[in-house]
């Protein structure tokens, strides 16, 4: 349908609402961070706002990594620099603040990347981080070397940006990257009416009361003595009455039944699956099936989420890394690698089947594809594409 040039790189996924497309980007020339809004019909830029400067660069990530969130006439943009903005849908600024000025550096070894969560009229931000001595230094913002900054779940008023509460989220993990988490908070509603916010990182999976932040339960999923790069990238998913999450760096995917309390023993884990698991892409739950994308080998795996039983697996066959998470619609799973190559795979069924392939280019393509109605929104380094039926 259309394509629109972008000022530079970013890992954020487009968000579509009310005929508008919201996105962030880091300008490759002047290092500015941008929040902008496009017309869904033709890709025309309706407005663009400068939101600070991208001061840090690492492979495969930029300060424009967290995805925006929107509701009604508001849209919220969080950047890896700690800049946090709220605009209305016409681009009028409602509020702004900088989380690094308030709480110290958000930086992890590969920059902060967790997206904010909007749930039940509140904004949630997770900051799970280690000692800045082990991370990328931030001029003027690092704590004293002897101090390790706290990790926490932050709840904000969406209309004002002010804190509602800040819940400490401790971890005893030690070593480079071992407390870092790039995963976004996940909401879950239980059968008894309770609602929780799930966090993963620092060797623990925890469930927090949505209204107070109080920790309801925690599971130590990683008991290895390894003290190097035990960070977590994939965001957990809720599937078949389970929370499905991943251990660090191609470790096993595991499933824990919902509704836990207290210190959860490892014996309550329902199943584990340890073959061709992801390091970066998040699991996908679609039409009763669970899909895993191994980013290094390009293997897509389909599991039964209730038992962890393998249904099928297959190689996507293009020899490039995958950082974007798989997404699904219309009975199809869409997978895009860093080269901007997309494989469309049949969802469900009893065997692996590639339906089509296409090459968008514009590497590195790090963002997950967004789907709205009958349209795909595909973000590469250079452009945002809209493909599909009008309207």
Protein backbone atom coordinates (compact mmCIF):
# COMPACT_ATOMS: atom_id res chain seq x y z
CA UNK A 1 0.00 0.00 0.00
CA UNK A 2 2.65 2.51 1.05
CA UNK A 3 6.12 2.98 2.50
CA UNK A 4 7.52 5.92 4.45
CA UNK A 5 11.23 6.69 4.95
CA UNK A 6 12.47 6.70 8.56
CA UNK A 7 15.18 8.98 9.95
CA UNK A 8 17.16 6.08 11.40
CA UNK A 9 17.30 2.87 13.38
CA UNK A 10 15.05 1.64 16.12
CA UNK A 11 13.82 -1.58 17.63
CA UNK A 12 10.35 -0.33 18.53
CA UNK A 13 7.31 -1.94 16.96
CA UNK A 14 4.64 0.31 15.40
CA UNK A 15 1.40 0.78 17.33
CA UNK A 16 -1.79 1.39 15.37
CA UNK A 17 -4.97 3.02 16.72
CA UNK A 18 -7.68 5.35 15.44
CA UNK A 19 -6.28 5.48 11.92
CA UNK A 20 -2.85 6.52 13.19
CA UNK A 21 0.49 4.73 13.39
CA UNK A 22 2.85 5.64 16.25
CA UNK A 23 6.57 4.86 16.19
CA UNK A 24 9.96 5.96 17.55
CA UNK A 25 13.32 6.33 15.86
CA UNK A 26 16.91 7.41 16.52
CA UNK A 27 18.27 9.71 13.80
CA UNK A 28 21.50 8.29 12.36
CA UNK A 29 22.86 11.79 11.60
CA UNK A 30 22.08 14.11 14.50
CA UNK A 31 21.39 11.37 17.12
CA UNK A 32 18.03 12.90 18.01
CA UNK A 33 15.30 10.63 19.34
CA UNK A 34 11.93 11.04 17.66
CA UNK A 35 8.35 10.17 18.42
CA UNK A 36 6.14 10.43 15.40
CA UNK A 37 2.69 9.72 14.05
CA UNK A 38 1.71 8.59 10.54
CA UNK A 39 -1.62 8.46 8.76
CA UNK A 40 -2.61 4.80 8.48
CA UNK A 41 -4.20 5.37 5.06
CA UNK A 42 -1.19 6.70 3.16
CA UNK A 43 1.82 6.79 5.51
CA UNK A 44 1.97 10.59 5.57
CA UNK A 45 3.77 11.98 8.63
CA UNK A 46 1.13 13.83 10.65
CA UNK A 47 3.56 15.02 13.31
CA UNK A 48 7.05 14.39 14.66
CA UNK A 49 8.52 15.42 18.01
CA UNK A 50 12.13 15.49 19.19
CA UNK A 51 12.48 13.62 22.51
CA UNK A 52 16.11 14.05 23.51
CA UNK A 53 19.32 12.55 22.18
CA UNK A 54 20.53 9.00 21.58
CA UNK A 55 23.83 9.04 23.43
CA UNK A 56 24.67 5.34 23.33
CA UNK A 57 25.20 2.87 20.55
CA UNK A 58 25.65 -0.89 20.73
CA UNK A 59 25.22 -3.63 18.11
CA UNK A 60 21.57 -4.50 17.37
CA UNK A 61 20.02 -1.94 19.69
CA UNK A 62 19.38 1.77 19.97
CA UNK A 63 17.76 4.09 22.50
CA UNK A 64 14.60 3.86 20.34
CA UNK A 65 13.91 0.27 21.40
CA UNK A 66 10.84 0.34 23.68
CA UNK A 67 7.55 0.35 21.76
CA UNK A 68 4.92 3.05 22.38
CA UNK A 69 1.51 2.37 23.92
CA UNK A 70 -1.75 4.19 23.24
CA UNK A 71 -5.34 4.45 24.47
CA UNK A 72 -8.17 6.84 23.63
CA UNK A 73 -6.55 10.21 22.83
CA UNK A 74 -3.17 9.54 24.45
CA UNK A 75 0.09 7.93 23.34
CA UNK A 76 3.12 7.26 25.54
CA UNK A 77 6.72 7.00 24.32
CA UNK A 78 9.57 5.63 26.47
CA UNK A 79 13.17 5.70 25.28
CA UNK A 80 16.27 3.87 26.45
CA UNK A 81 17.69 7.21 27.57
CA UNK A 82 14.95 7.37 30.22
CA UNK A 83 12.98 10.05 28.38
CA UNK A 84 9.27 9.42 28.86
CA UNK A 85 6.66 11.47 26.99
CA UNK A 86 2.89 11.58 26.75
CA UNK A 87 1.21 13.27 23.77
CA UNK A 88 -2.35 13.47 22.60
CA UNK A 89 -3.08 12.04 19.17
CA UNK A 90 -2.61 15.45 17.57
CA UNK A 91 0.94 15.73 18.93
CA UNK A 92 0.27 18.10 21.82
CA UNK A 93 2.60 17.28 24.73
CA UNK A 94 0.75 16.34 27.94
CA UNK A 95 3.77 15.59 30.14
CA UNK A 96 7.39 14.49 30.11
CA UNK A 97 9.95 13.20 32.61
CA UNK A 98 13.29 11.43 32.59
CA UNK A 99 13.49 8.19 34.55
CA UNK A 100 17.30 8.19 34.60
CA UNK A 101 17.33 11.51 36.41
CA UNK A 102 14.87 10.12 38.94
CA UNK A 103 16.26 6.62 39.46
CA UNK A 104 19.76 6.43 38.00
CA UNK A 105 20.87 4.78 34.76
CA UNK A 106 18.49 2.38 33.07
CA UNK A 107 21.32 1.06 30.91
CA UNK A 108 22.01 -2.59 30.59
CA UNK A 109 24.86 -3.99 28.53
CA UNK A 110 22.74 -3.77 25.36
CA UNK A 111 20.68 -0.72 26.40
CA UNK A 112 17.26 -0.54 28.01
CA UNK A 113 14.58 -2.09 25.79
CA UNK A 114 11.49 -3.05 27.86
CA UNK A 115 8.27 -1.43 26.64
CA UNK A 116 5.85 0.24 29.06
CA UNK A 117 2.62 -1.60 29.87
CA UNK A 118 -0.77 0.15 29.96
CA UNK A 119 -3.19 -1.89 32.05
CA UNK A 120 -6.39 -1.02 33.93
CA UNK A 121 -5.75 2.69 33.54
CA UNK A 122 -2.18 2.62 34.84
CA UNK A 123 1.29 2.66 33.27
CA UNK A 124 3.84 0.06 34.38
CA UNK A 125 7.58 0.21 33.76
CA UNK A 126 10.04 -2.50 34.79
CA UNK A 127 13.67 -1.66 35.51
CA UNK A 128 15.71 -4.80 36.17
CA UNK A 129 19.39 -3.88 36.13
CA UNK A 130 22.81 -4.72 37.52
CA UNK A 131 25.88 -2.86 38.72
CA UNK A 132 26.82 -0.04 36.32
CA UNK A 133 30.45 -1.12 36.60
CA UNK A 134 29.42 -4.14 34.53
CA UNK A 135 27.38 -2.12 32.07
CA UNK A 136 27.78 0.80 29.68
CA UNK A 137 28.77 3.98 31.57
CA UNK A 138 26.40 6.92 31.47
CA UNK A 139 28.17 10.23 31.90
CA UNK A 140 26.98 12.05 35.01
CA UNK A 141 24.37 9.43 35.90
CA UNK A 142 26.19 6.39 37.30
CA UNK A 143 25.96 5.67 41.02
CA UNK A 144 29.14 5.30 43.01
CA UNK A 145 31.01 2.14 41.99
CA UNK A 146 30.34 0.51 45.35
CA UNK A 147 26.58 0.84 44.91
CA UNK A 148 24.30 -1.38 42.90
CA UNK A 149 21.10 0.38 41.83
CA UNK A 150 17.82 -1.19 42.81
CA UNK A 151 15.58 -3.08 40.44
CA UNK A 152 11.89 -2.23 40.59
CA UNK A 153 8.44 -2.17 39.06
CA UNK A 154 7.13 1.38 38.69
CA UNK A 155 3.45 2.32 38.43
CA UNK A 156 2.52 5.73 37.01
CA UNK A 157 -0.59 7.83 36.51
CA UNK A 158 -0.98 7.94 32.70
CA UNK A 159 -2.50 11.43 32.73
CA UNK A 160 0.19 13.13 34.84
CA UNK A 161 3.24 10.84 34.68
CA UNK A 162 3.50 10.94 38.46
CA UNK A 163 4.43 7.90 40.51
CA UNK A 164 1.60 5.90 42.07
CA UNK A 165 4.00 3.42 43.64
CA UNK A 166 7.47 1.94 43.21
CA UNK A 167 7.94 -1.71 44.19
CA UNK A 168 11.40 -3.07 44.93
CA UNK A 169 12.16 -6.24 43.02
CA UNK A 170 15.31 -7.77 44.58
CA UNK A 171 17.65 -10.34 43.08
CA UNK A 172 20.72 -12.10 44.43
CA UNK A 173 22.13 -12.79 40.94
CA UNK A 174 25.79 -11.85 40.56
CA UNK A 175 27.94 -11.10 37.52
CA UNK A 176 27.98 -9.23 34.22
CA UNK A 177 24.45 -8.93 32.81
CA UNK A 178 23.04 -11.43 35.29
CA UNK A 179 20.47 -8.99 36.70
CA UNK A 180 19.58 -7.47 33.34
CA UNK A 181 16.21 -8.07 31.74
CA UNK A 182 14.96 -6.74 28.41
CA UNK A 183 11.49 -8.24 28.85
CA UNK A 184 8.30 -6.20 29.03
CA UNK A 185 5.91 -6.58 32.04
CA UNK A 186 3.05 -8.98 31.31
CA UNK A 187 -0.51 -8.70 32.75
CA UNK A 188 -2.45 -11.82 33.66
CA UNK A 189 -6.00 -12.19 35.00
CA UNK A 190 -6.69 -15.23 37.17
CA UNK A 191 -9.88 -17.23 37.54
CA UNK A 192 -10.48 -15.97 41.08
CA UNK A 193 -10.62 -12.38 39.83
CA UNK A 194 -7.10 -11.42 40.86
CA UNK A 195 -4.80 -9.69 38.40
CA UNK A 196 -1.02 -9.80 38.40
CA UNK A 197 1.92 -8.23 36.61
CA UNK A 198 4.64 -10.73 35.70
CA UNK A 199 8.35 -9.87 35.64
CA UNK A 200 11.29 -12.02 34.59
CA UNK A 201 15.01 -11.42 35.14
CA UNK A 202 17.81 -11.73 37.67
CA UNK A 203 17.18 -15.51 37.86
CA UNK A 204 13.57 -15.08 39.04
CA UNK A 205 10.06 -15.06 37.61
CA UNK A 206 7.75 -13.05 39.88
CA UNK A 207 4.05 -12.20 40.06
CA UNK A 208 2.98 -8.81 41.50
CA UNK A 209 -0.38 -7.47 42.59
CA UNK A 210 -1.50 -5.07 39.86
CA UNK A 211 -2.85 -2.46 42.29
CA UNK A 212 -0.05 -2.32 44.88
CA UNK A 213 2.98 -3.95 43.27
CA UNK A 214 3.31 -6.35 46.18
CA UNK A 215 5.13 -9.52 45.21
CA UNK A 216 2.71 -12.46 45.41
CA UNK A 217 5.14 -15.19 44.41
CA UNK A 218 8.55 -15.92 42.94
CA UNK A 219 10.16 -18.84 41.15
CA UNK A 220 13.92 -19.25 40.88
CA UNK A 221 14.18 -20.52 37.31
CA UNK A 222 17.95 -20.25 36.93
CA UNK A 223 20.04 -22.04 39.56
CA UNK A 224 23.25 -22.24 37.53
CA UNK A 225 26.48 -21.00 39.09
CA UNK A 226 27.29 -19.18 35.83
CA UNK A 227 27.96 -15.50 36.60
CA UNK A 228 28.38 -14.18 33.08
CA UNK A 229 25.68 -12.92 30.71
CA UNK A 230 22.72 -14.66 32.26
CA UNK A 231 20.37 -11.90 31.11
CA UNK A 232 16.87 -12.51 29.79
CA UNK A 233 15.49 -11.08 26.55
CA UNK A 234 12.20 -12.87 25.68
CA UNK A 235 8.99 -11.58 27.23
CA UNK A 236 6.89 -14.38 28.80
CA UNK A 237 3.48 -15.27 27.36
CA UNK A 238 0.34 -16.64 28.96
CA UNK A 239 -0.76 -19.80 27.13
CA UNK A 240 -3.14 -22.61 28.00
CA UNK A 241 -3.40 -21.70 31.70
CA UNK A 242 0.39 -21.40 31.97
CA UNK A 243 2.96 -18.66 31.98
CA UNK A 244 5.60 -19.71 29.47
CA UNK A 245 9.05 -18.17 29.88
CA UNK A 246 12.65 -18.77 28.84
CA UNK A 247 15.90 -19.31 30.69
CA UNK A 248 18.93 -17.23 29.63
CA UNK A 249 20.83 -17.55 26.35
CA UNK A 250 19.08 -20.38 24.52
CA UNK A 251 18.18 -22.09 27.79
CA UNK A 252 15.08 -24.19 28.26
CA UNK A 253 11.59 -22.81 27.78
CA UNK A 254 9.44 -23.70 30.80
CA UNK A 255 5.77 -23.50 31.76
CA UNK A 256 4.40 -22.69 35.20
CA UNK A 257 0.67 -22.98 36.00
CA UNK A 258 -1.03 -19.69 36.83
CA UNK A 259 -2.18 -18.82 40.34
CA UNK A 260 1.00 -19.36 42.34
CA UNK A 261 1.79 -17.94 45.79
CA UNK A 262 4.84 -17.56 48.00
CA UNK A 263 8.17 -19.14 47.21
CA UNK A 264 7.45 -21.50 44.32
CA UNK A 265 9.42 -24.77 44.28
CA UNK A 266 10.89 -25.87 40.96
CA UNK A 267 8.75 -29.01 41.18
CA UNK A 268 5.71 -26.97 40.18
CA UNK A 269 7.12 -26.34 36.72
CA UNK A 270 4.76 -28.23 34.42
CA UNK A 271 7.24 -28.89 31.61
CA UNK A 272 10.50 -27.78 30.00
CA UNK A 273 11.63 -27.83 26.39
CA UNK A 274 15.31 -27.31 25.59
CA UNK A 275 15.76 -27.84 21.82
CA UNK A 276 16.19 -24.89 19.40
CA UNK A 277 15.03 -22.35 21.96
CA UNK A 278 15.38 -18.56 21.49
CA UNK A 279 17.84 -16.10 22.96
CA UNK A 280 16.05 -12.91 21.87
CA UNK A 281 12.61 -13.51 20.23
CA UNK A 282 9.63 -13.92 22.56
CA UNK A 283 7.39 -17.00 22.35
CA UNK A 284 4.15 -16.69 20.40
CA UNK A 285 0.80 -18.14 21.49
CA UNK A 286 -1.73 -18.42 18.67
CA UNK A 287 -4.83 -20.54 18.14
CA UNK A 288 -3.93 -22.93 20.95
CA UNK A 289 -0.34 -23.51 19.80
CA UNK A 290 2.97 -22.23 21.15
CA UNK A 291 5.69 -21.13 18.70
CA UNK A 292 9.41 -20.68 19.43
CA UNK A 293 11.88 -19.03 17.06
CA UNK A 294 15.55 -19.87 17.47
CA UNK A 295 17.32 -16.72 16.39
CA UNK A 296 20.70 -18.30 15.53
CA UNK A 297 19.61 -21.39 13.57
CA UNK A 298 16.38 -19.95 12.16
CA UNK A 299 14.29 -22.86 13.41
CA UNK A 300 10.58 -22.38 14.11
CA UNK A 301 9.10 -24.87 16.60
CA UNK A 302 5.43 -25.59 17.34
CA UNK A 303 4.53 -27.01 20.77
CA UNK A 304 1.43 -27.96 22.72
CA UNK A 305 1.48 -25.29 25.49
CA UNK A 306 -0.24 -27.58 28.01
CA UNK A 307 2.33 -30.35 27.84
CA UNK A 308 5.35 -29.01 25.98
CA UNK A 309 4.96 -31.79 23.41
CA UNK A 310 6.67 -31.15 20.08
CA UNK A 311 4.17 -30.95 17.21
CA UNK A 312 6.57 -29.90 14.45
CA UNK A 313 9.69 -27.88 13.72
CA UNK A 314 11.37 -26.59 10.57
CA UNK A 315 14.25 -24.50 9.31
CA UNK A 316 13.41 -21.13 7.78
CA UNK A 317 16.57 -21.51 5.75
CA UNK A 318 17.99 -18.06 5.12
CA UNK A 319 21.08 -18.06 7.37
CA UNK A 320 20.53 -14.77 9.23
CA UNK A 321 19.88 -13.89 12.86
CA UNK A 322 16.35 -13.21 14.10
CA UNK A 323 15.75 -10.55 16.75
CA UNK A 324 12.13 -9.72 15.90
CA UNK A 325 9.58 -11.94 17.62
CA UNK A 326 7.24 -14.05 15.48
CA UNK A 327 3.67 -12.77 15.08
CA UNK A 328 0.53 -14.38 13.67
CA UNK A 329 -2.75 -13.63 11.92
CA UNK A 330 -5.03 -15.23 9.32
CA UNK A 331 -3.69 -18.71 10.07
CA UNK A 332 -0.10 -17.66 9.35
CA UNK A 333 3.07 -17.05 11.38
CA UNK A 334 5.34 -14.22 10.19
CA UNK A 335 9.09 -14.29 10.96
CA UNK A 336 11.55 -11.55 9.91
CA UNK A 337 15.32 -11.71 10.27
CA UNK A 338 17.89 -8.92 10.60
CA UNK A 339 18.33 -8.78 6.81
CA UNK A 340 14.66 -7.91 6.38
CA UNK A 341 13.79 -11.34 4.95
CA UNK A 342 10.31 -12.56 5.87
CA UNK A 343 9.14 -16.16 5.95
CA UNK A 344 5.39 -16.84 6.17
CA UNK A 345 4.66 -20.22 7.77
CA UNK A 346 1.36 -22.06 8.03
CA UNK A 347 0.07 -21.94 11.61
CA UNK A 348 -1.26 -25.13 13.17
CA UNK A 349 -1.35 -28.31 11.15
CA UNK A 350 0.69 -31.41 11.75
CA UNK A 351 3.83 -30.38 9.89
CA UNK A 352 6.03 -27.40 9.09
CA UNK A 353 5.17 -25.61 5.84
CA UNK A 354 6.54 -22.34 4.43
CA UNK A 355 3.81 -20.58 2.43
CA UNK A 356 5.82 -17.68 1.01
CA UNK A 357 8.91 -15.54 1.37
CA UNK A 358 9.78 -11.93 0.62
CA UNK A 359 12.75 -9.60 1.09
CA UNK A 360 12.18 -6.11 2.50
CA UNK A 361 15.88 -5.23 2.93
CA UNK A 362 16.91 -2.29 5.11
CA UNK A 363 19.01 -4.20 7.62
CA UNK A 364 19.19 -4.44 10.52
CA UNK A 365 15.45 -5.14 10.75
CA UNK A 366 14.94 -5.59 14.51
CA UNK A 367 11.27 -4.77 15.06
CA UNK A 368 8.47 -7.27 15.29
CA UNK A 369 5.86 -6.92 12.57
CA UNK A 370 2.67 -5.18 13.71
CA UNK A 371 -0.74 -6.36 12.51
CA UNK A 372 -3.91 -4.26 12.39
CA UNK A 373 -6.98 -5.58 10.64
CA UNK A 374 -5.86 -6.90 7.25
CA UNK A 375 -2.64 -4.89 7.20
CA UNK A 376 0.97 -5.68 8.09
CA UNK A 377 3.26 -2.89 9.32
CA UNK A 378 6.88 -3.82 8.69
CA UNK A 379 9.68 -1.69 10.05
CA UNK A 380 13.22 -1.91 8.67
CA UNK A 381 16.13 0.42 9.39
CA UNK A 382 15.20 2.63 6.45
CA UNK A 383 11.42 2.53 6.02
CA UNK A 384 8.04 1.62 7.47
CA UNK A 385 5.92 -0.43 5.08
CA UNK A 386 2.18 -1.01 5.14
CA UNK A 387 1.11 -4.10 3.20
CA UNK A 388 -2.45 -5.37 2.86
CA UNK A 389 -5.99 -4.32 2.10
CA UNK A 390 -7.14 -0.73 2.47
CA UNK A 391 -9.53 0.21 5.23
